């Protein structure tokens, strides 16, 4: 799983790095969901935390896109 980043860290990233971070988080989310289906996920809260991190990163990415305009 990707390292949890703070909002400050996300804001310092370029839009390209944010897009890559979102892709990594989505891969982690898919893996966690598969593990949950196999009943091998020890902590199901990982899924909700990852979803929140994805949403946080997408929000900051959209803010950066609006700033560019």
PDB file of N, CA and C in Angstrom:
ATOM      1  N   UNK A   1       0.828  -1.176   0.000  1.00  0.00           N
ATOM      2  CA  UNK A   1       0.000   0.000   0.000  1.00  0.00           C
ATOM      3  C   UNK A   1       0.873   1.241   0.000  1.00  0.00           C
ATOM      4  N   UNK A   2       0.406   2.270  -0.724  1.00  0.00           N
ATOM      5  CA  UNK A   2       1.156   3.509  -0.812  1.00  0.00           C
ATOM      6  C   UNK A   2       1.156   4.221   0.539  1.00  0.00           C
ATOM      7  N   UNK A   3       2.215   4.974   0.764  1.00  0.00           N
ATOM      8  CA  UNK A   3       2.344   5.695   2.033  1.00  0.00           C
ATOM      9  C   UNK A   3       1.273   6.784   2.106  1.00  0.00           C
ATOM     10  N   UNK A   4       0.620   6.890   3.243  1.00  0.00           N
ATOM     11  CA  UNK A   4      -0.392   7.924   3.437  1.00  0.00           C
ATOM     12  C   UNK A   4       0.292   9.286   3.464  1.00  0.00           C
ATOM     13  N   UNK A   5      -0.184  10.189   2.641  1.00  0.00           N
ATOM     14  CA  UNK A   5       0.396  11.512   2.550  1.00  0.00           C
ATOM     15  C   UNK A   5      -0.515  12.534   3.208  1.00  0.00           C
ATOM     16  N   UNK A   6       0.100  13.580   3.725  1.00  0.00           N
ATOM     17  CA  UNK A   6      -0.678  14.658   4.313  1.00  0.00           C
ATOM     18  C   UNK A   6      -1.164  15.583   3.204  1.00  0.00           C
ATOM     19  N   UNK A   7      -2.100  16.428   3.543  1.00  0.00           N
ATOM     20  CA  UNK A   7      -2.623  17.382   2.570  1.00  0.00           C
ATOM     21  C   UNK A   7      -1.501  18.314   2.104  1.00  0.00           C
ATOM     22  N   UNK A   8      -0.628  18.675   3.007  1.00  0.00           N
ATOM     23  CA  UNK A   8       0.497  19.558   2.660  1.00  0.00           C
ATOM     24  C   UNK A   8       1.382  18.892   1.602  1.00  0.00           C
ATOM     25  N   UNK A   9       1.660  17.600   1.778  1.00  0.00           N
ATOM     26  CA  UNK A   9       2.473  16.871   0.807  1.00  0.00           C
ATOM     27  C   UNK A   9       1.779  16.820  -0.550  1.00  0.00           C
ATOM     28  N   UNK A  10       0.478  16.587  -0.540  1.00  0.00           N
ATOM     29  CA  UNK A  10      -0.272  16.510  -1.791  1.00  0.00           C
ATOM     30  C   UNK A  10      -0.289  17.851  -2.517  1.00  0.00           C
ATOM     31  N   UNK A  11      -0.418  18.926  -1.778  1.00  0.00           N
ATOM     32  CA  UNK A  11      -0.451  20.259  -2.397  1.00  0.00           C
ATOM     33  C   UNK A  11       0.890  20.628  -3.017  1.00  0.00           C
ATOM     34  N   UNK A  12       1.981  20.075  -2.516  1.00  0.00           N
ATOM     35  CA  UNK A  12       3.305  20.372  -3.050  1.00  0.00           C
ATOM     36  C   UNK A  12       3.605  19.582  -4.323  1.00  0.00           C
ATOM     37  N   UNK A  13       2.819  18.552  -4.598  1.00  0.00           N
ATOM     38  CA  UNK A  13       3.047  17.719  -5.777  1.00  0.00           C
ATOM     39  C   UNK A  13       2.596  18.425  -7.052  1.00  0.00           C
ATOM     40  N   UNK A  14       3.225  18.052  -8.155  1.00  0.00           N
ATOM     41  CA  UNK A  14       2.795  18.539  -9.451  1.00  0.00           C
ATOM     42  C   UNK A  14       1.556  17.749  -9.880  1.00  0.00           C
ATOM     43  N   UNK A  15       0.792  18.274 -10.829  1.00  0.00           N
ATOM     44  CA  UNK A  15      -0.387  17.534 -11.298  1.00  0.00           C
ATOM     45  C   UNK A  15      -0.037  16.140 -11.849  1.00  0.00           C
ATOM     46  N   UNK A  16       1.118  16.001 -12.457  1.00  0.00           N
ATOM     47  CA  UNK A  16       1.530  14.697 -12.988  1.00  0.00           C
ATOM     48  C   UNK A  16       1.775  13.703 -11.855  1.00  0.00           C
ATOM     49  N   UNK A  17       2.440  14.171 -10.806  1.00  0.00           N
ATOM     50  CA  UNK A  17       2.699  13.292  -9.656  1.00  0.00           C
ATOM     51  C   UNK A  17       1.409  12.946  -8.937  1.00  0.00           C
ATOM     52  N   UNK A  18       0.481  13.902  -8.870  1.00  0.00           N
ATOM     53  CA  UNK A  18      -0.810  13.630  -8.244  1.00  0.00           C
ATOM     54  C   UNK A  18      -1.571  12.562  -9.015  1.00  0.00           C
ATOM     55  N   UNK A  19      -1.529  12.657 -10.332  1.00  0.00           N
ATOM     56  CA  UNK A  19      -2.202  11.662 -11.164  1.00  0.00           C
ATOM     57  C   UNK A  19      -1.593  10.282 -10.942  1.00  0.00           C
ATOM     58  N   UNK A  20      -0.279  10.216 -10.834  1.00  0.00           N
ATOM     59  CA  UNK A  20       0.392   8.944 -10.571  1.00  0.00           C
ATOM     60  C   UNK A  20       0.039   8.422  -9.178  1.00  0.00           C
ATOM     61  N   UNK A  21      -0.057   9.315  -8.207  1.00  0.00           N
ATOM     62  CA  UNK A  21      -0.423   8.921  -6.842  1.00  0.00           C
ATOM     63  C   UNK A  21      -1.846   8.360  -6.821  1.00  0.00           C
ATOM     64  N   UNK A  22      -2.750   8.994  -7.551  1.00  0.00           N
ATOM     65  CA  UNK A  22      -4.135   8.518  -7.613  1.00  0.00           C
ATOM     66  C   UNK A  22      -4.183   7.132  -8.232  1.00  0.00           C
ATOM     67  N   UNK A  23      -3.406   6.916  -9.284  1.00  0.00           N
ATOM     68  CA  UNK A  23      -3.370   5.598  -9.931  1.00  0.00           C
ATOM     69  C   UNK A  23      -2.857   4.533  -8.957  1.00  0.00           C
ATOM     70  N   UNK A  24      -1.821   4.864  -8.185  1.00  0.00           N
ATOM     71  CA  UNK A  24      -1.284   3.917  -7.195  1.00  0.00           C
ATOM     72  C   UNK A  24      -2.325   3.597  -6.120  1.00  0.00           C
ATOM     73  N   UNK A  25      -3.024   4.634  -5.667  1.00  0.00           N
ATOM     74  CA  UNK A  25      -4.042   4.423  -4.643  1.00  0.00           C
ATOM     75  C   UNK A  25      -5.189   3.567  -5.173  1.00  0.00           C
ATOM     76  N   UNK A  26      -5.545   3.760  -6.432  1.00  0.00           N
ATOM     77  CA  UNK A  26      -6.619   2.953  -7.008  1.00  0.00           C
ATOM     78  C   UNK A  26      -6.198   1.488  -7.141  1.00  0.00           C
ATOM     79  N   UNK A  27      -4.925   1.255  -7.450  1.00  0.00           N
ATOM     80  CA  UNK A  27      -4.421  -0.125  -7.489  1.00  0.00           C
ATOM     81  C   UNK A  27      -4.481  -0.754  -6.094  1.00  0.00           C
ATOM     82  N   UNK A  28      -4.087   0.036  -5.089  1.00  0.00           N
ATOM     83  CA  UNK A  28      -4.149  -0.449  -3.708  1.00  0.00           C
ATOM     84  C   UNK A  28      -5.586  -0.765  -3.297  1.00  0.00           C
ATOM     85  N   UNK A  29      -6.514   0.093  -3.712  1.00  0.00           N
ATOM     86  CA  UNK A  29      -7.923  -0.115  -3.383  1.00  0.00           C
ATOM     87  C   UNK A  29      -8.442  -1.399  -4.016  1.00  0.00           C
ATOM     88  N   UNK A  30      -8.090  -1.629  -5.263  1.00  0.00           N
ATOM     89  CA  UNK A  30      -8.515  -2.849  -5.949  1.00  0.00           C
ATOM     90  C   UNK A  30      -7.957  -4.082  -5.257  1.00  0.00           C
ATOM     91  N   UNK A  31      -6.689  -4.022  -4.879  1.00  0.00           N
ATOM     92  CA  UNK A  31      -6.068  -5.151  -4.185  1.00  0.00           C
ATOM     93  C   UNK A  31      -6.737  -5.401  -2.838  1.00  0.00           C
ATOM     94  N   UNK A  32      -7.063  -4.336  -2.126  1.00  0.00           N
ATOM     95  CA  UNK A  32      -7.718  -4.490  -0.826  1.00  0.00           C
ATOM     96  C   UNK A  32      -9.117  -5.076  -0.988  1.00  0.00           C
ATOM     97  N   UNK A  33      -9.826  -4.651  -2.017  1.00  0.00           N
ATOM     98  CA  UNK A  33     -11.167  -5.182  -2.255  1.00  0.00           C
ATOM     99  C   UNK A  33     -11.117  -6.667  -2.610  1.00  0.00           C
ATOM    100  N   UNK A  34     -10.106  -7.060  -3.382  1.00  0.00           N
ATOM    101  CA  UNK A  34      -9.955  -8.477  -3.714  1.00  0.00           C
ATOM    102  C   UNK A  34      -9.616  -9.290  -2.466  1.00  0.00           C
ATOM    103  N   UNK A  35      -8.764  -8.740  -1.620  1.00  0.00           N
ATOM    104  CA  UNK A  35      -8.415  -9.426  -0.374  1.00  0.00           C
ATOM    105  C   UNK A  35      -9.627  -9.559   0.537  1.00  0.00           C
ATOM    106  N   UNK A  36     -10.471  -8.548   0.541  1.00  0.00           N
ATOM    107  CA  UNK A  36     -11.677  -8.608   1.347  1.00  0.00           C
ATOM    108  C   UNK A  36     -12.612  -9.701   0.831  1.00  0.00           C
ATOM    109  N   UNK A  37     -12.697  -9.832  -0.480  1.00  0.00           N
ATOM    110  CA  UNK A  37     -13.546 -10.865  -1.069  1.00  0.00           C
ATOM    111  C   UNK A  37     -13.006 -12.258  -0.738  1.00  0.00           C
ATOM    112  N   UNK A  38     -11.689 -12.375  -0.655  1.00  0.00           N
ATOM    113  CA  UNK A  38     -11.059 -13.658  -0.315  1.00  0.00           C
ATOM    114  C   UNK A  38     -11.046 -13.897   1.194  1.00  0.00           C
ATOM    115  N   UNK A  39     -11.512 -12.933   1.936  1.00  0.00           N
ATOM    116  CA  UNK A  39     -11.507 -12.958   3.396  1.00  0.00           C
ATOM    117  C   UNK A  39     -10.098 -13.074   3.972  1.00  0.00           C
ATOM    118  N   UNK A  40      -9.157 -12.459   3.294  1.00  0.00           N
ATOM    119  CA  UNK A  40      -7.775 -12.472   3.788  1.00  0.00           C
ATOM    120  C   UNK A  40      -7.302 -11.073   4.184  1.00  0.00           C
ATOM    121  N   UNK A  41      -8.227 -10.119   4.242  1.00  0.00           N
ATOM    122  CA  UNK A  41      -7.868  -8.757   4.628  1.00  0.00           C
ATOM    123  C   UNK A  41      -8.025  -8.613   6.140  1.00  0.00           C
ATOM    124  N   UNK A  42      -6.917  -8.402   6.856  1.00  0.00           N
ATOM    125  CA  UNK A  42      -7.003  -8.351   8.314  1.00  0.00           C
ATOM    126  C   UNK A  42      -7.748  -7.116   8.837  1.00  0.00           C
ATOM    127  N   UNK A  43      -7.645  -5.987   8.128  1.00  0.00           N
ATOM    128  CA  UNK A  43      -8.276  -4.761   8.582  1.00  0.00           C
ATOM    129  C   UNK A  43      -9.094  -4.161   7.439  1.00  0.00           C
ATOM    130  N   UNK A  44     -10.402  -4.379   7.409  1.00  0.00           N
ATOM    131  CA  UNK A  44     -11.220  -3.870   6.316  1.00  0.00           C
ATOM    132  C   UNK A  44     -11.322  -2.344   6.262  1.00  0.00           C
ATOM    133  N   UNK A  45     -10.884  -1.676   7.315  1.00  0.00           N
ATOM    134  CA  UNK A  45     -10.919  -0.218   7.308  1.00  0.00           C
ATOM    135  C   UNK A  45      -9.953   0.386   6.305  1.00  0.00           C
ATOM    136  N   UNK A  46      -9.031  -0.419   5.825  1.00  0.00           N
ATOM    137  CA  UNK A  46      -8.068   0.040   4.824  1.00  0.00           C
ATOM    138  C   UNK A  46      -8.805   0.546   3.584  1.00  0.00           C
ATOM    139  N   UNK A  47      -9.905  -0.096   3.256  1.00  0.00           N
ATOM    140  CA  UNK A  47     -10.655   0.270   2.059  1.00  0.00           C
ATOM    141  C   UNK A  47     -11.202   1.691   2.193  1.00  0.00           C
ATOM    142  N   UNK A  48     -11.840   2.011   3.287  1.00  0.00           N
ATOM    143  CA  UNK A  48     -12.409   3.353   3.445  1.00  0.00           C
ATOM    144  C   UNK A  48     -11.321   4.415   3.539  1.00  0.00           C
ATOM    145  N   UNK A  49     -10.210   4.084   4.175  1.00  0.00           N
ATOM    146  CA  UNK A  49      -9.110   5.047   4.261  1.00  0.00           C
ATOM    147  C   UNK A  49      -8.525   5.329   2.883  1.00  0.00           C
ATOM    148  N   UNK A  50      -8.386   4.288   2.072  1.00  0.00           N
ATOM    149  CA  UNK A  50      -7.841   4.462   0.731  1.00  0.00           C
ATOM    150  C   UNK A  50      -8.789   5.280  -0.134  1.00  0.00           C
ATOM    151  N   UNK A  51     -10.082   5.024  -0.002  1.00  0.00           N
ATOM    152  CA  UNK A  51     -11.065   5.797  -0.764  1.00  0.00           C
ATOM    153  C   UNK A  51     -11.005   7.272  -0.392  1.00  0.00           C
ATOM    154  N   UNK A  52     -10.819   7.566   0.880  1.00  0.00           N
ATOM    155  CA  UNK A  52     -10.704   8.960   1.323  1.00  0.00           C
ATOM    156  C   UNK A  52      -9.438   9.606   0.767  1.00  0.00           C
ATOM    157  N   UNK A  53      -8.344   8.855   0.750  1.00  0.00           N
ATOM    158  CA  UNK A  53      -7.098   9.398   0.211  1.00  0.00           C
ATOM    159  C   UNK A  53      -7.232   9.697  -1.278  1.00  0.00           C
ATOM    160  N   UNK A  54      -7.924   8.826  -2.007  1.00  0.00           N
ATOM    161  CA  UNK A  54      -8.156   9.058  -3.432  1.00  0.00           C
ATOM    162  C   UNK A  54      -8.978  10.334  -3.613  1.00  0.00           C
ATOM    163  N   UNK A  55     -10.033  10.476  -2.849  1.00  0.00           N
ATOM    164  CA  UNK A  55     -10.888  11.660  -2.948  1.00  0.00           C
ATOM    165  C   UNK A  55     -10.108  12.932  -2.614  1.00  0.00           C
ATOM    166  N   UNK A  56      -9.273  12.855  -1.590  1.00  0.00           N
ATOM    167  CA  UNK A  56      -8.469  14.004  -1.189  1.00  0.00           C
ATOM    168  C   UNK A  56      -7.514  14.400  -2.320  1.00  0.00           C
ATOM    169  N   UNK A  57      -6.862  13.428  -2.928  1.00  0.00           N
ATOM    170  CA  UNK A  57      -5.916  13.708  -4.007  1.00  0.00           C
ATOM    171  C   UNK A  57      -6.640  14.270  -5.239  1.00  0.00           C
ATOM    172  N   UNK A  58      -7.812  13.717  -5.549  1.00  0.00           N
ATOM    173  CA  UNK A  58      -8.568  14.216  -6.704  1.00  0.00           C
ATOM    174  C   UNK A  58      -9.040  15.645  -6.474  1.00  0.00           C
ATOM    175  N   UNK A  59      -9.420  15.960  -5.258  1.00  0.00           N
ATOM    176  CA  UNK A  59      -9.864  17.314  -4.940  1.00  0.00           C
ATOM    177  C   UNK A  59      -8.725  18.303  -5.142  1.00  0.00           C
ATOM    178  N   UNK A  60      -7.561  17.974  -4.662  1.00  0.00           N
ATOM    179  CA  UNK A  60      -6.409  18.868  -4.808  1.00  0.00           C
ATOM    180  C   UNK A  60      -6.012  18.987  -6.269  1.00  0.00           C
ATOM    181  N   UNK A  61      -6.099  17.890  -7.022  1.00  0.00           N
ATOM    182  CA  UNK A  61      -5.797  17.933  -8.453  1.00  0.00           C
ATOM    183  C   UNK A  61      -6.759  18.876  -9.169  1.00  0.00           C
ATOM    184  N   UNK A  62      -8.040  18.800  -8.845  1.00  0.00           N
ATOM    185  CA  UNK A  62      -9.020  19.693  -9.463  1.00  0.00           C
ATOM    186  C   UNK A  62      -8.763  21.149  -9.084  1.00  0.00           C
ATOM    187  N   UNK A  63      -8.342  21.396  -7.854  1.00  0.00           N
ATOM    188  CA  UNK A  63      -8.003  22.754  -7.440  1.00  0.00           C
ATOM    189  C   UNK A  63      -6.841  23.292  -8.258  1.00  0.00           C
ATOM    190  N   UNK A  64      -5.847  22.463  -8.480  1.00  0.00           N
ATOM    191  CA  UNK A  64      -4.679  22.881  -9.262  1.00  0.00           C
ATOM    192  C   UNK A  64      -5.067  23.160 -10.700  1.00  0.00           C
ATOM    193  N   UNK A  65      -5.968  22.357 -11.271  1.00  0.00           N
ATOM    194  CA  UNK A  65      -6.420  22.586 -12.648  1.00  0.00           C
ATOM    195  C   UNK A  65      -7.172  23.905 -12.760  1.00  0.00           C
ATOM    196  N   UNK A  66      -7.970  24.248 -11.747  1.00  0.00           N
ATOM    197  CA  UNK A  66      -8.706  25.513 -11.757  1.00  0.00           C
ATOM    198  C   UNK A  66      -7.754  26.691 -11.645  1.00  0.00           C
ATOM    199  N   UNK A  67      -6.677  26.526 -10.872  1.00  0.00           N
ATOM    200  CA  UNK A  67      -5.700  27.597 -10.720  1.00  0.00           C
ATOM    201  C   UNK A  67      -4.980  27.896 -12.036  1.00  0.00           C
ATOM    202  N   UNK A  68      -4.768  26.850 -12.839  1.00  0.00           N
ATOM    203  CA  UNK A  68      -4.062  27.017 -14.108  1.00  0.00           C
ATOM    204  C   UNK A  68      -4.869  27.832 -15.115  1.00  0.00           C
ATOM    205  N   UNK A  69      -6.183  27.792 -14.984  1.00  0.00           N
ATOM    206  CA  UNK A  69      -7.031  28.506 -15.957  1.00  0.00           C
ATOM    207  C   UNK A  69      -7.020  29.983 -15.752  1.00  0.00           C
TER     208      UNK A  69
END
